[in-house]
Amino acid sequence: MDQVLDAFATLPPYPDVKPSLERLLARGIRLASLGNGSKQVADKLFENAGLSSLVELRLSIDDVKHWKPPPSWSRSCNVSAAPMSVEQRRAAAAEREMK
């Protein structure tokens, strides 16, 4: 089973994913991901795909203890603030990269 889960972390994203996320960020849209996998697998997946700095929040079943898509997933994001500017997003991404 570990072998299968490890293989998920090496899957490449579709070619349009990174440019699409970058366009959304350029418009000040905050990005979050919701996944049924573990946080460790999701973190590896985003890191290996070069997408870690583009997604502000990554939630997994580890966080909400429920398979998606119940409404609690959306509420757990608690993202009701105004969109971040591109400069704020870059600063937040740089800060995450340093951790």
Protein backbone atom coordinates (compact mmCIF):
# COMPACT_ATOMS: atom_id res chain seq x y z
CA MET A 1 0.00 0.00 0.00
CA ASP A 2 2.84 2.42 0.82
CA GLN A 3 4.21 1.87 -2.68
CA VAL A 4 0.92 2.93 -4.24
CA LEU A 5 0.66 6.01 -2.03
CA ASP A 6 4.26 6.99 -2.78
CA ALA A 7 3.50 6.71 -6.51
CA PHE A 8 0.74 9.32 -6.15
CA ALA A 9 3.30 11.87 -4.96
CA THR A 10 5.25 11.52 -8.21
CA LEU A 11 2.33 12.08 -10.57
CA PRO A 12 2.95 15.12 -12.77
CA PRO A 13 0.22 17.74 -13.06
CA TYR A 14 -1.53 18.36 -16.35
CA PRO A 15 0.45 20.90 -18.41
CA ASP A 16 -2.16 23.64 -17.97
CA VAL A 17 -2.25 23.48 -14.15
CA LYS A 18 0.70 25.71 -13.28
CA PRO A 19 -0.07 28.47 -15.82
CA SER A 20 -3.74 28.41 -14.77
CA LEU A 21 -2.88 28.77 -11.09
CA GLU A 22 -0.44 31.56 -11.88
CA ARG A 23 -3.15 33.44 -13.81
CA LEU A 24 -5.53 33.12 -10.87
CA LEU A 25 -2.87 34.37 -8.46
CA ALA A 26 -2.09 37.31 -10.73
CA ARG A 27 -5.75 38.33 -10.37
CA GLY A 28 -5.45 38.20 -6.57
CA ILE A 29 -7.44 35.01 -6.14
CA ARG A 30 -6.45 33.00 -3.09
CA LEU A 31 -6.00 29.28 -3.76
CA ALA A 32 -6.65 26.27 -1.57
CA SER A 33 -6.71 22.56 -2.29
CA LEU A 34 -8.95 19.89 -0.80
CA GLY A 35 -7.82 16.29 -0.96
CA ASN A 36 -8.84 12.86 0.23
CA GLY A 37 -5.22 11.83 0.65
CA SER A 38 -2.98 12.41 3.63
CA LYS A 39 -1.31 15.76 4.22
CA GLN A 40 2.12 14.17 3.65
CA VAL A 41 1.13 12.83 0.23
CA ALA A 42 -0.46 16.15 -0.76
CA ASP A 43 2.62 18.11 0.36
CA LYS A 44 4.92 15.80 -1.64
CA LEU A 45 2.64 16.01 -4.67
CA PHE A 46 2.61 19.82 -4.68
CA GLU A 47 6.34 20.03 -3.99
CA ASN A 48 7.32 17.54 -6.70
CA ALA A 49 5.07 19.35 -9.18
CA GLY A 50 6.58 22.76 -8.33
CA LEU A 51 3.20 24.06 -7.14
CA SER A 52 3.79 24.48 -3.38
CA SER A 53 4.27 28.23 -3.53
CA LEU A 54 1.08 28.73 -5.56
CA VAL A 55 -1.44 27.22 -3.15
CA GLU A 56 -1.95 29.09 0.10
CA LEU A 57 -3.81 26.36 1.97
CA ARG A 58 -3.81 22.59 1.55
CA LEU A 59 -6.45 20.64 3.47
CA SER A 60 -6.64 16.88 3.66
CA ILE A 61 -8.82 14.33 5.38
CA ASP A 62 -6.24 14.56 8.17
CA ASP A 63 -7.49 18.10 8.87
CA VAL A 64 -11.25 17.64 8.80
CA LYS A 65 -11.59 13.91 9.55
CA HIS A 66 -14.15 13.45 6.79
CA TRP A 67 -14.06 12.41 3.14
CA LYS A 68 -14.88 15.21 0.73
CA PRO A 69 -17.10 16.90 -0.27
CA PRO A 70 -19.16 17.69 2.84
CA PRO A 71 -19.92 21.40 3.42
CA SER A 72 -17.56 21.41 6.40
CA TRP A 73 -14.62 21.33 3.95
CA SER A 74 -15.49 24.73 2.59
CA ARG A 75 -16.24 26.16 6.01
CA SER A 76 -12.95 24.81 7.41
CA CYS A 77 -11.05 27.00 4.95
CA ASN A 78 -12.42 30.11 6.69
CA VAL A 79 -11.36 32.20 3.70
CA SER A 80 -13.71 35.13 3.75
CA ALA A 81 -11.12 37.91 3.75
CA ALA A 82 -10.44 40.10 0.76
CA PRO A 83 -8.10 38.62 -1.87
CA MET A 84 -4.38 39.08 -1.29
CA SER A 85 -2.39 41.23 -3.65
CA VAL A 86 0.23 39.58 -5.85
CA GLU A 87 2.94 41.09 -3.62
CA GLN A 88 1.28 39.68 -0.48
CA ARG A 89 0.97 36.27 -2.13
CA ARG A 90 4.64 36.26 -3.13
CA ALA A 91 5.65 37.24 0.40
CA ALA A 92 3.47 34.48 1.87
CA ALA A 93 4.91 31.93 -0.57
CA ALA A 94 8.46 33.00 0.28
CA GLU A 95 7.68 32.65 3.97
CA ARG A 96 6.25 29.14 3.45
CA GLU A 97 9.30 28.12 1.43
CA MET A 98 11.57 29.16 4.31
CA LYS A 99 9.78 26.81 6.76
